[in-house]
PDB file of N, CA and C in Angstrom:
ATOM      1  N   MET A   1      46.917  73.997 111.510  1.00  0.00           N
ATOM      2  CA  MET A   1      46.967  75.066 110.534  1.00  0.00           C
ATOM      3  C   MET A   1      48.069  76.067 110.871  1.00  0.00           C
ATOM      4  N   ILE A   2      48.170  76.388 112.165  1.00  0.00           N
ATOM      5  CA  ILE A   2      49.195  77.337 112.581  1.00  0.00           C
ATOM      6  C   ILE A   2      50.582  76.731 112.386  1.00  0.00           C
ATOM      7  N   ARG A   3      50.705  75.426 112.634  1.00  0.00           N
ATOM      8  CA  ARG A   3      51.999  74.772 112.475  1.00  0.00           C
ATOM      9  C   ARG A   3      52.456  74.826 111.021  1.00  0.00           C
ATOM     10  N   ARG A   4      51.545  74.684 110.079  1.00  0.00           N
ATOM     11  CA  ARG A   4      51.911  74.765 108.660  1.00  0.00           C
ATOM     12  C   ARG A   4      52.423  76.149 108.319  1.00  0.00           C
ATOM     13  N   SER A   5      51.776  77.177 108.841  1.00  0.00           N
ATOM     14  CA  SER A   5      52.204  78.551 108.584  1.00  0.00           C
ATOM     15  C   SER A   5      53.596  78.795 109.144  1.00  0.00           C
ATOM     16  N   ILE A   6      53.834  78.286 110.349  1.00  0.00           N
ATOM     17  CA  ILE A   6      55.154  78.458 110.959  1.00  0.00           C
ATOM     18  C   ILE A   6      56.208  77.737 110.127  1.00  0.00           C
ATOM     19  N   LYS A   7      55.898  76.529 109.676  1.00  0.00           N
ATOM     20  CA  LYS A   7      56.848  75.772 108.856  1.00  0.00           C
ATOM     21  C   LYS A   7      57.132  76.489 107.542  1.00  0.00           C
ATOM     22  N   ARG A   8      56.108  77.071 106.951  1.00  0.00           N
ATOM     23  CA  ARG A   8      56.303  77.801 105.687  1.00  0.00           C
ATOM     24  C   ARG A   8      57.186  79.020 105.899  1.00  0.00           C
ATOM     25  N   TYR A   9      56.926  79.764 106.984  1.00  0.00           N
ATOM     26  CA  TYR A   9      57.752  80.942 107.274  1.00  0.00           C
ATOM     27  C   TYR A   9      59.191  80.535 107.579  1.00  0.00           C
ATOM     28  N   ALA A  10      59.341  79.444 108.315  1.00  0.00           N
ATOM     29  CA  ALA A  10      60.689  78.963 108.644  1.00  0.00           C
ATOM     30  C   ALA A  10      61.426  78.549 107.374  1.00  0.00           C
ATOM     31  N   ALA A  11      60.736  77.839 106.491  1.00  0.00           N
ATOM     32  CA  ALA A  11      61.355  77.419 105.235  1.00  0.00           C
ATOM     33  C   ALA A  11      61.717  78.628 104.378  1.00  0.00           C
ATOM     34  N   ALA A  12      60.836  79.616 104.344  1.00  0.00           N
ATOM     35  CA  ALA A  12      61.112  80.829 103.571  1.00  0.00           C
ATOM     36  C   ALA A  12      62.300  81.588 104.160  1.00  0.00           C
ATOM     37  N   ALA A  13      62.381  81.632 105.483  1.00  0.00           N
ATOM     38  CA  ALA A  13      63.495  82.327 106.140  1.00  0.00           C
ATOM     39  C   ALA A  13      64.817  81.623 105.857  1.00  0.00           C
ATOM     40  N   VAL A  14      64.809  80.296 105.893  1.00  0.00           N
ATOM     41  CA  VAL A  14      66.029  79.537 105.588  1.00  0.00           C
ATOM     42  C   VAL A  14      66.444  79.774 104.141  1.00  0.00           C
ATOM     43  N   MET A  15      65.500  79.755 103.239  1.00  0.00           N
ATOM     44  CA  MET A  15      65.795  79.978 101.818  1.00  0.00           C
ATOM     45  C   MET A  15      66.340  81.385 101.597  1.00  0.00           C
ATOM     46  N   ALA A  16      65.739  82.371 102.233  1.00  0.00           N
ATOM     47  CA  ALA A  16      66.213  83.751 102.096  1.00  0.00           C
ATOM     48  C   ALA A  16      67.627  83.885 102.654  1.00  0.00           C
ATOM     49  N   GLY A  17      67.885  83.245 103.780  1.00  0.00           N
ATOM     50  CA  GLY A  17      69.227  83.274 104.363  1.00  0.00           C
ATOM     51  C   GLY A  17      70.254  82.641 103.443  1.00  0.00           C
ATOM     52  N   ALA A  18      69.890  81.543 102.805  1.00  0.00           N
ATOM     53  CA  ALA A  18      70.800  80.875 101.873  1.00  0.00           C
ATOM     54  C   ALA A  18      71.093  81.759 100.665  1.00  0.00           C
ATOM     55  N   LEU A  19      70.089  82.447 100.170  1.00  0.00           N
ATOM     56  CA  LEU A  19      70.293  83.343  99.026  1.00  0.00           C
ATOM     57  C   LEU A  19      71.208  84.504  99.385  1.00  0.00           C
ATOM     58  N   VAL A  20      71.004  85.079 100.564  1.00  0.00           N
ATOM     59  CA  VAL A  20      71.851  86.189 101.007  1.00  0.00           C
ATOM     60  C   VAL A  20      73.290  85.712 101.182  1.00  0.00           C
ATOM     61  N   ALA A  21      73.472  84.554 101.801  1.00  0.00           N
ATOM     62  CA  ALA A  21      74.821  84.015 102.008  1.00  0.00           C
ATOM     63  C   ALA A  21      75.485  83.716 100.669  1.00  0.00           C
ATOM     64  N   GLY A  22      74.733  83.181  99.726  1.00  0.00           N
ATOM     65  CA  GLY A  22      75.285  82.896  98.398  1.00  0.00           C
ATOM     66  C   GLY A  22      75.695  84.151  97.672  1.00  0.00           C
ATOM     67  N   ALA A  23      74.885  85.183  97.766  1.00  0.00           N
ATOM     68  CA  ALA A  23      75.216  86.453  97.110  1.00  0.00           C
ATOM     69  C   ALA A  23      76.440  87.086  97.753  1.00  0.00           C
ATOM     70  N   ALA A  24      76.562  86.989  99.053  1.00  0.00           N
ATOM     71  CA  ALA A  24      77.733  87.547  99.743  1.00  0.00           C
ATOM     72  C   ALA A  24      78.986  86.785  99.348  1.00  0.00           C
ATOM     73  N   GLY A  25      78.875  85.483  99.149  1.00  0.00           N
ATOM     74  CA  GLY A  25      80.020  84.676  98.733  1.00  0.00           C
ATOM     75  C   GLY A  25      80.553  85.103  97.388  1.00  0.00           C
ATOM     76  N   CYS A  26      79.689  85.489  96.479  1.00  0.00           N
ATOM     77  CA  CYS A  26      80.132  85.942  95.165  1.00  0.00           C
ATOM     78  C   CYS A  26      80.955  87.213  95.266  1.00  0.00           C
ATOM     79  N   SER A  27      80.592  88.101  96.165  1.00  0.00           N
ATOM     80  CA  SER A  27      81.339  89.348  96.276  1.00  0.00           C
ATOM     81  C   SER A  27      82.751  89.089  96.780  1.00  0.00           C
ATOM     82  N   PHE A  28      82.944  88.046  97.584  1.00  0.00           N
ATOM     83  CA  PHE A  28      84.295  87.714  98.038  1.00  0.00           C
ATOM     84  C   PHE A  28      85.157  87.282  96.861  1.00  0.00           C
ATOM     85  N   ILE A  29      84.590  86.566  95.927  1.00  0.00           N
ATOM     86  CA  ILE A  29      85.343  86.091  94.767  1.00  0.00           C
ATOM     87  C   ILE A  29      85.776  87.258  93.901  1.00  0.00           C
ATOM     88  N   PHE A  30      84.910  88.188  93.636  1.00  0.00           N
ATOM     89  CA  PHE A  30      85.209  89.266  92.707  1.00  0.00           C
ATOM     90  C   PHE A  30      86.021  90.395  93.332  1.00  0.00           C
ATOM     91  N   ASP A  31      85.958  90.566  94.645  1.00  0.00           N
ATOM     92  CA  ASP A  31      86.670  91.655  95.302  1.00  0.00           C
ATOM     93  C   ASP A  31      87.945  91.184  95.989  1.00  0.00           C
ATOM     94  N   PHE A  32      88.424  90.006  95.634  1.00  0.00           N
ATOM     95  CA  PHE A  32      89.560  89.402  96.307  1.00  0.00           C
ATOM     96  C   PHE A  32      90.866  90.081  95.910  1.00  0.00           C
ATOM     97  N   THR A  33      91.634  90.508  96.898  1.00  0.00           N
ATOM     98  CA  THR A  33      92.949  91.102  96.672  1.00  0.00           C
ATOM     99  C   THR A  33      93.981  90.162  97.273  1.00  0.00           C
ATOM    100  N   GLU A  34      94.796  89.561  96.414  1.00  0.00           N
ATOM    101  CA  GLU A  34      95.795  88.605  96.879  1.00  0.00           C
ATOM    102  C   GLU A  34      97.084  89.296  97.309  1.00  0.00           C
ATOM    103  N   CYS A  35      97.388  90.429  96.669  1.00  0.00           N
ATOM    104  CA  CYS A  35      98.645  91.113  96.974  1.00  0.00           C
ATOM    105  C   CYS A  35      98.526  92.599  96.669  1.00  0.00           C
ATOM    106  N   GLU A  36      99.430  93.357  97.273  1.00  0.00           N
ATOM    107  CA  GLU A  36      99.531  94.787  96.991  1.00  0.00           C
ATOM    108  C   GLU A  36     100.927  95.147  96.508  1.00  0.00           C
ATOM    109  N   ALA A  37     101.884  94.247  96.751  1.00  0.00           N
ATOM    110  CA  ALA A  37     103.274  94.464  96.339  1.00  0.00           C
ATOM    111  C   ALA A  37     103.912  93.110  96.049  1.00  0.00           C
ATOM    112  N   ASP A  38     105.019  93.127  95.310  1.00  0.00           N
ATOM    113  CA  ASP A  38     105.710  91.881  94.968  1.00  0.00           C
ATOM    114  C   ASP A  38     106.096  91.081  96.212  1.00  0.00           C
ATOM    115  N   ALA A  39     106.432  91.769  97.282  1.00  0.00           N
ATOM    116  CA  ALA A  39     106.835  91.090  98.519  1.00  0.00           C
ATOM    117  C   ALA A  39     105.722  90.189  99.057  1.00  0.00           C
ATOM    118  N   ASP A  40     104.473  90.527  98.780  1.00  0.00           N
ATOM    119  CA  ASP A  40     103.344  89.715  99.236  1.00  0.00           C
ATOM    120  C   ASP A  40     103.305  88.357  98.540  1.00  0.00           C
ATOM    121  N   CYS A  41     103.966  88.230  97.399  1.00  0.00           N
ATOM    122  CA  CYS A  41     103.912  87.003  96.598  1.00  0.00           C
ATOM    123  C   CYS A  41     105.108  86.086  96.824  1.00  0.00           C
ATOM    124  N   GLN A  42     106.096  86.527  97.569  1.00  0.00           N
ATOM    125  CA  GLN A  42     107.303  85.729  97.758  1.00  0.00           C
ATOM    126  C   GLN A  42     107.033  84.404  98.455  1.00  0.00           C
ATOM    127  N   GLN A  43     105.951  84.311  99.185  1.00  0.00           N
ATOM    128  CA  GLN A  43     105.611  83.053  99.853  1.00  0.00           C
ATOM    129  C   GLN A  43     105.336  81.933  98.854  1.00  0.00           C
ATOM    130  N   PHE A  44     105.037  82.278  97.602  1.00  0.00           N
ATOM    131  CA  PHE A  44     104.751  81.284  96.576  1.00  0.00           C
ATOM    132  C   PHE A  44     105.987  80.908  95.763  1.00  0.00           C
ATOM    133  N   ASP A  45     107.099  81.634  95.971  1.00  0.00           N
ATOM    134  CA  ASP A  45     108.328  81.370  95.223  1.00  0.00           C
ATOM    135  C   ASP A  45     108.814  79.939  95.449  1.00  0.00           C
ATOM    136  N   SER A  46     109.417  79.379  94.402  1.00  0.00           N
ATOM    137  CA  SER A  46     110.080  78.081  94.483  1.00  0.00           C
ATOM    138  C   SER A  46     111.424  78.217  93.777  1.00  0.00           C
ATOM    139  N   PRO A  47     112.438  78.744  94.487  1.00  0.00           N
ATOM    140  CA  PRO A  47     113.740  78.979  93.857  1.00  0.00           C
ATOM    141  C   PRO A  47     114.348  77.721  93.241  1.00  0.00           C
ATOM    142  N   GLU A  48     114.119  76.562  93.871  1.00  0.00           N
ATOM    143  CA  GLU A  48     114.661  75.308  93.339  1.00  0.00           C
ATOM    144  C   GLU A  48     114.125  75.020  91.944  1.00  0.00           C
ATOM    145  N   ALA A  49     112.889  75.394  91.705  1.00  0.00           N
ATOM    146  CA  ALA A  49     112.259  75.183  90.397  1.00  0.00           C
ATOM    147  C   ALA A  49     112.424  76.395  89.487  1.00  0.00           C
ATOM    148  N   GLY A  50     113.060  77.451  90.002  1.00  0.00           N
ATOM    149  CA  GLY A  50     113.238  78.667  89.201  1.00  0.00           C
ATOM    150  C   GLY A  50     111.947  79.439  89.009  1.00  0.00           C
ATOM    151  N   GLU A  51     111.041  79.332  89.972  1.00  0.00           N
ATOM    152  CA  GLU A  51     109.745  80.007  89.868  1.00  0.00           C
ATOM    153  C   GLU A  51     109.655  81.135  90.890  1.00  0.00           C
ATOM    154  N   PHE A  52     109.410  82.335  90.382  1.00  0.00           N
ATOM    155  CA  PHE A  52     109.283  83.514  91.235  1.00  0.00           C
ATOM    156  C   PHE A  52     108.002  84.247  90.850  1.00  0.00           C
ATOM    157  N   PHE A  53     107.282  84.718  91.853  1.00  0.00           N
ATOM    158  CA  PHE A  53     105.985  85.348  91.628  1.00  0.00           C
ATOM    159  C   PHE A  53     106.036  86.838  91.937  1.00  0.00           C
ATOM    160  N   VAL A  54     105.236  87.594  91.188  1.00  0.00           N
ATOM    161  CA  VAL A  54     105.117  89.037  91.382  1.00  0.00           C
ATOM    162  C   VAL A  54     103.641  89.409  91.451  1.00  0.00           C
ATOM    163  N   CYS A  55     103.365  90.602  91.966  1.00  0.00           N
ATOM    164  CA  CYS A  55     101.995  91.095  92.082  1.00  0.00           C
ATOM    165  C   CYS A  55     101.592  91.767  90.768  1.00  0.00           C
ATOM    166  N   SER A  56     100.515  91.294  90.164  1.00  0.00           N
ATOM    167  CA  SER A  56     100.048  91.853  88.890  1.00  0.00           C
ATOM    168  C   SER A  56      99.202  93.104  89.118  1.00  0.00           C
ATOM    169  N   ALA A  57      98.855  93.773  88.042  1.00  0.00           N
ATOM    170  CA  ALA A  57      97.997  94.957  88.115  1.00  0.00           C
ATOM    171  C   ALA A  57      96.606  94.607  88.650  1.00  0.00           C
ATOM    172  N   ASP A  58      96.226  93.327  88.549  1.00  0.00           N
ATOM    173  CA  ASP A  58      94.931  92.860  89.055  1.00  0.00           C
ATOM    174  C   ASP A  58      95.010  92.421  90.516  1.00  0.00           C
ATOM    175  N   ASP A  59      96.134  92.725  91.181  1.00  0.00           N
ATOM    176  CA  ASP A  59      96.344  92.356  92.587  1.00  0.00           C
ATOM    177  C   ASP A  59      96.316  90.850  92.810  1.00  0.00           C
ATOM    178  N   LYS A  60      96.871  90.109  91.844  1.00  0.00           N
ATOM    179  CA  LYS A  60      96.994  88.654  91.929  1.00  0.00           C
ATOM    180  C   LYS A  60      98.465  88.287  91.811  1.00  0.00           C
ATOM    181  N   CYS A  61      98.899  87.253  92.526  1.00  0.00           N
ATOM    182  CA  CYS A  61     100.269  86.768  92.409  1.00  0.00           C
ATOM    183  C   CYS A  61     100.376  85.917  91.146  1.00  0.00           C
ATOM    184  N   VAL A  62     101.278  86.311  90.252  1.00  0.00           N
ATOM    185  CA  VAL A  62     101.459  85.601  88.986  1.00  0.00           C
ATOM    186  C   VAL A  62     102.932  85.235  88.808  1.00  0.00           C
ATOM    187  N   LEU A  63     103.168  84.156  88.082  1.00  0.00           N
ATOM    188  CA  LEU A  63     104.518  83.701  87.798  1.00  0.00           C
ATOM    189  C   LEU A  63     105.195  84.675  86.846  1.00  0.00           C
ATOM    190  N   GLU A  64     106.435  85.060  87.174  1.00  0.00           N
ATOM    191  CA  GLU A  64     107.214  85.920  86.286  1.00  0.00           C
ATOM    192  C   GLU A  64     108.304  85.044  85.653  1.00  0.00           C
ATOM    193  N   PRO A  65     108.058  84.534  84.443  1.00  0.00           N
ATOM    194  CA  PRO A  65     108.968  83.556  83.840  1.00  0.00           C
ATOM    195  C   PRO A  65     110.378  84.085  83.581  1.00  0.00           C
ATOM    196  N   GLU A  66     110.548  85.384  83.385  1.00  0.00           N
ATOM    197  CA  GLU A  66     111.866  85.937  83.085  1.00  0.00           C
ATOM    198  C   GLU A  66     112.757  86.010  84.323  1.00  0.00           C
ATOM    199  N   ARG A  67     112.176  85.997  85.499  1.00  0.00           N
ATOM    200  CA  ARG A  67     112.945  86.167  86.739  1.00  0.00           C
ATOM    201  C   ARG A  67     113.696  84.882  87.069  1.00  0.00           C
ATOM    202  N   GLU A  68     114.996  85.031  87.356  1.00  0.00           N
ATOM    203  CA  GLU A  68     115.854  83.910  87.733  1.00  0.00           C
ATOM    204  C   GLU A  68     116.187  83.913  89.223  1.00  0.00           C
ATOM    205  N   CYS A  69     116.054  85.077  89.872  1.00  0.00           N
ATOM    206  CA  CYS A  69     116.518  85.179  91.252  1.00  0.00           C
ATOM    207  C   CYS A  69     115.844  86.330  91.986  1.00  0.00           C
ATOM    208  N   ARG A  70     115.970  86.274  93.313  1.00  0.00           N
ATOM    209  CA  ARG A  70     115.611  87.398  94.182  1.00  0.00           C
ATOM    210  C   ARG A  70     116.831  87.822  95.000  1.00  0.00           C
ATOM    211  N   THR A  71     117.714  86.860  95.248  1.00  0.00           N
ATOM    212  CA  THR A  71     118.947  87.133  95.997  1.00  0.00           C
ATOM    213  C   THR A  71     120.108  86.413  95.317  1.00  0.00           C
ATOM    214  N   ASP A  72     121.333  86.742  95.726  1.00  0.00           N
ATOM    215  CA  ASP A  72     122.526  86.091  95.175  1.00  0.00           C
ATOM    216  C   ASP A  72     122.505  84.584  95.418  1.00  0.00           C
ATOM    217  N   ALA A  73     121.874  84.150  96.487  1.00  0.00           N
ATOM    218  CA  ALA A  73     121.817  82.722  96.821  1.00  0.00           C
ATOM    219  C   ALA A  73     121.088  81.910  95.755  1.00  0.00           C
ATOM    220  N   HIS A  74     120.250  82.548  94.960  1.00  0.00           N
ATOM    221  CA  HIS A  74     119.505  81.849  93.914  1.00  0.00           C
ATOM    222  C   HIS A  74     120.324  81.687  92.635  1.00  0.00           C
ATOM    223  N   CYS A  75     121.488  82.326  92.570  1.00  0.00           N
ATOM    224  CA  CYS A  75     122.338  82.285  91.374  1.00  0.00           C
ATOM    225  C   CYS A  75     123.446  81.245  91.546  1.00  0.00           C
ATOM    226  N   ALA A  76     124.067  80.882  90.421  1.00  0.00           N
ATOM    227  CA  ALA A  76     125.201  79.957  90.448  1.00  0.00           C
ATOM    228  C   ALA A  76     126.379  80.621  91.155  1.00  0.00           C
ATOM    229  N   ASP A  77     127.326  79.812  91.598  1.00  0.00           N
ATOM    230  CA  ASP A  77     128.518  80.331  92.283  1.00  0.00           C
ATOM    231  C   ASP A  77     129.213  81.384  91.436  1.00  0.00           C
ATOM    232  N   GLY A  78     129.576  82.483  92.072  1.00  0.00           N
ATOM    233  CA  GLY A  78     130.288  83.554  91.384  1.00  0.00           C
ATOM    234  C   GLY A  78     129.379  84.558  90.699  1.00  0.00           C
ATOM    235  N   GLN A  79     128.093  84.283  90.625  1.00  0.00           N
ATOM    236  CA  GLN A  79     127.155  85.214  89.997  1.00  0.00           C
ATOM    237  C   GLN A  79     126.419  86.000  91.078  1.00  0.00           C
ATOM    238  N   THR A  80     125.940  87.157  90.677  1.00  0.00           N
ATOM    239  CA  THR A  80     125.139  87.978  91.585  1.00  0.00           C
ATOM    240  C   THR A  80     123.780  88.236  90.955  1.00  0.00           C
ATOM    241  N   CYS A  81     122.821  88.487  91.798  1.00  0.00           N
ATOM    242  CA  CYS A  81     121.452  88.736  91.334  1.00  0.00           C
ATOM    243  C   CYS A  81     121.216  90.230  91.185  1.00  0.00           C
ATOM    244  N   ASP A  82     120.811  90.639  89.996  1.00  0.00           N
ATOM    245  CA  ASP A  82     120.342  92.008  89.801  1.00  0.00           C
ATOM    246  C   ASP A  82     118.883  92.000  90.253  1.00  0.00           C
ATOM    247  N   VAL A  83     118.644  92.474  91.456  1.00  0.00           N
ATOM    248  CA  VAL A  83     117.324  92.360  92.079  1.00  0.00           C
ATOM    249  C   VAL A  83     116.239  93.035  91.245  1.00  0.00           C
ATOM    250  N   ALA A  84     116.551  94.157  90.623  1.00  0.00           N
ATOM    251  CA  ALA A  84     115.547  94.885  89.838  1.00  0.00           C
ATOM    252  C   ALA A  84     115.055  94.064  88.651  1.00  0.00           C
ATOM    253  N   SER A  85     115.984  93.433  87.933  1.00  0.00           N
ATOM    254  CA  SER A  85     115.588  92.664  86.744  1.00  0.00           C
ATOM    255  C   SER A  85     115.334  91.200  87.065  1.00  0.00           C
ATOM    256  N   GLY A  86     115.904  90.723  88.186  1.00  0.00           N
ATOM    257  CA  GLY A  86     115.740  89.320  88.544  1.00  0.00           C
ATOM    258  C   GLY A  86     116.593  88.391  87.715  1.00  0.00           C
ATOM    259  N   VAL A  87     117.714  88.903  87.177  1.00  0.00           N
ATOM    260  CA  VAL A  87     118.586  88.108  86.315  1.00  0.00           C
ATOM    261  C   VAL A  87     119.946  87.939  86.987  1.00  0.00           C
ATOM    262  N   CYS A  88     120.476  86.715  86.929  1.00  0.00           N
ATOM    263  CA  CYS A  88     121.806  86.433  87.465  1.00  0.00           C
ATOM    264  C   CYS A  88     122.864  86.861  86.452  1.00  0.00           C
ATOM    265  N   GLY A  89     123.957  87.428  86.948  1.00  0.00           N
ATOM    266  CA  GLY A  89     125.033  87.861  86.059  1.00  0.00           C
ATOM    267  C   GLY A  89     126.367  87.827  86.763  1.00  0.00           C
ATOM    268  N   GLU A  90     127.406  88.120  85.998  1.00  0.00           N
ATOM    269  CA  GLU A  90     128.785  88.115  86.529  1.00  0.00           C
ATOM    270  C   GLU A  90     129.022  89.331  87.370  1.00  0.00           C
TER     271      GLU A  90
END
């Protein structure tokens, strides 16, 4: 009889622990901050593919389709990168 009670308490404790862990996991999803500045997103850049990422208002790294460059090296020969706009020009 005592063994059944212990097993029930153990099962209840495991279940309670799983619920707490599951609830804590949800808070990680909703409170996730991927970036605070555009520089935090540069690790996702793919200059060869013309893909550059910036930090959104939601603190997520998002693709900025208008951006062509971050440095002169990303532009064609003879062009320079306007870093503010991300556009290559003469």
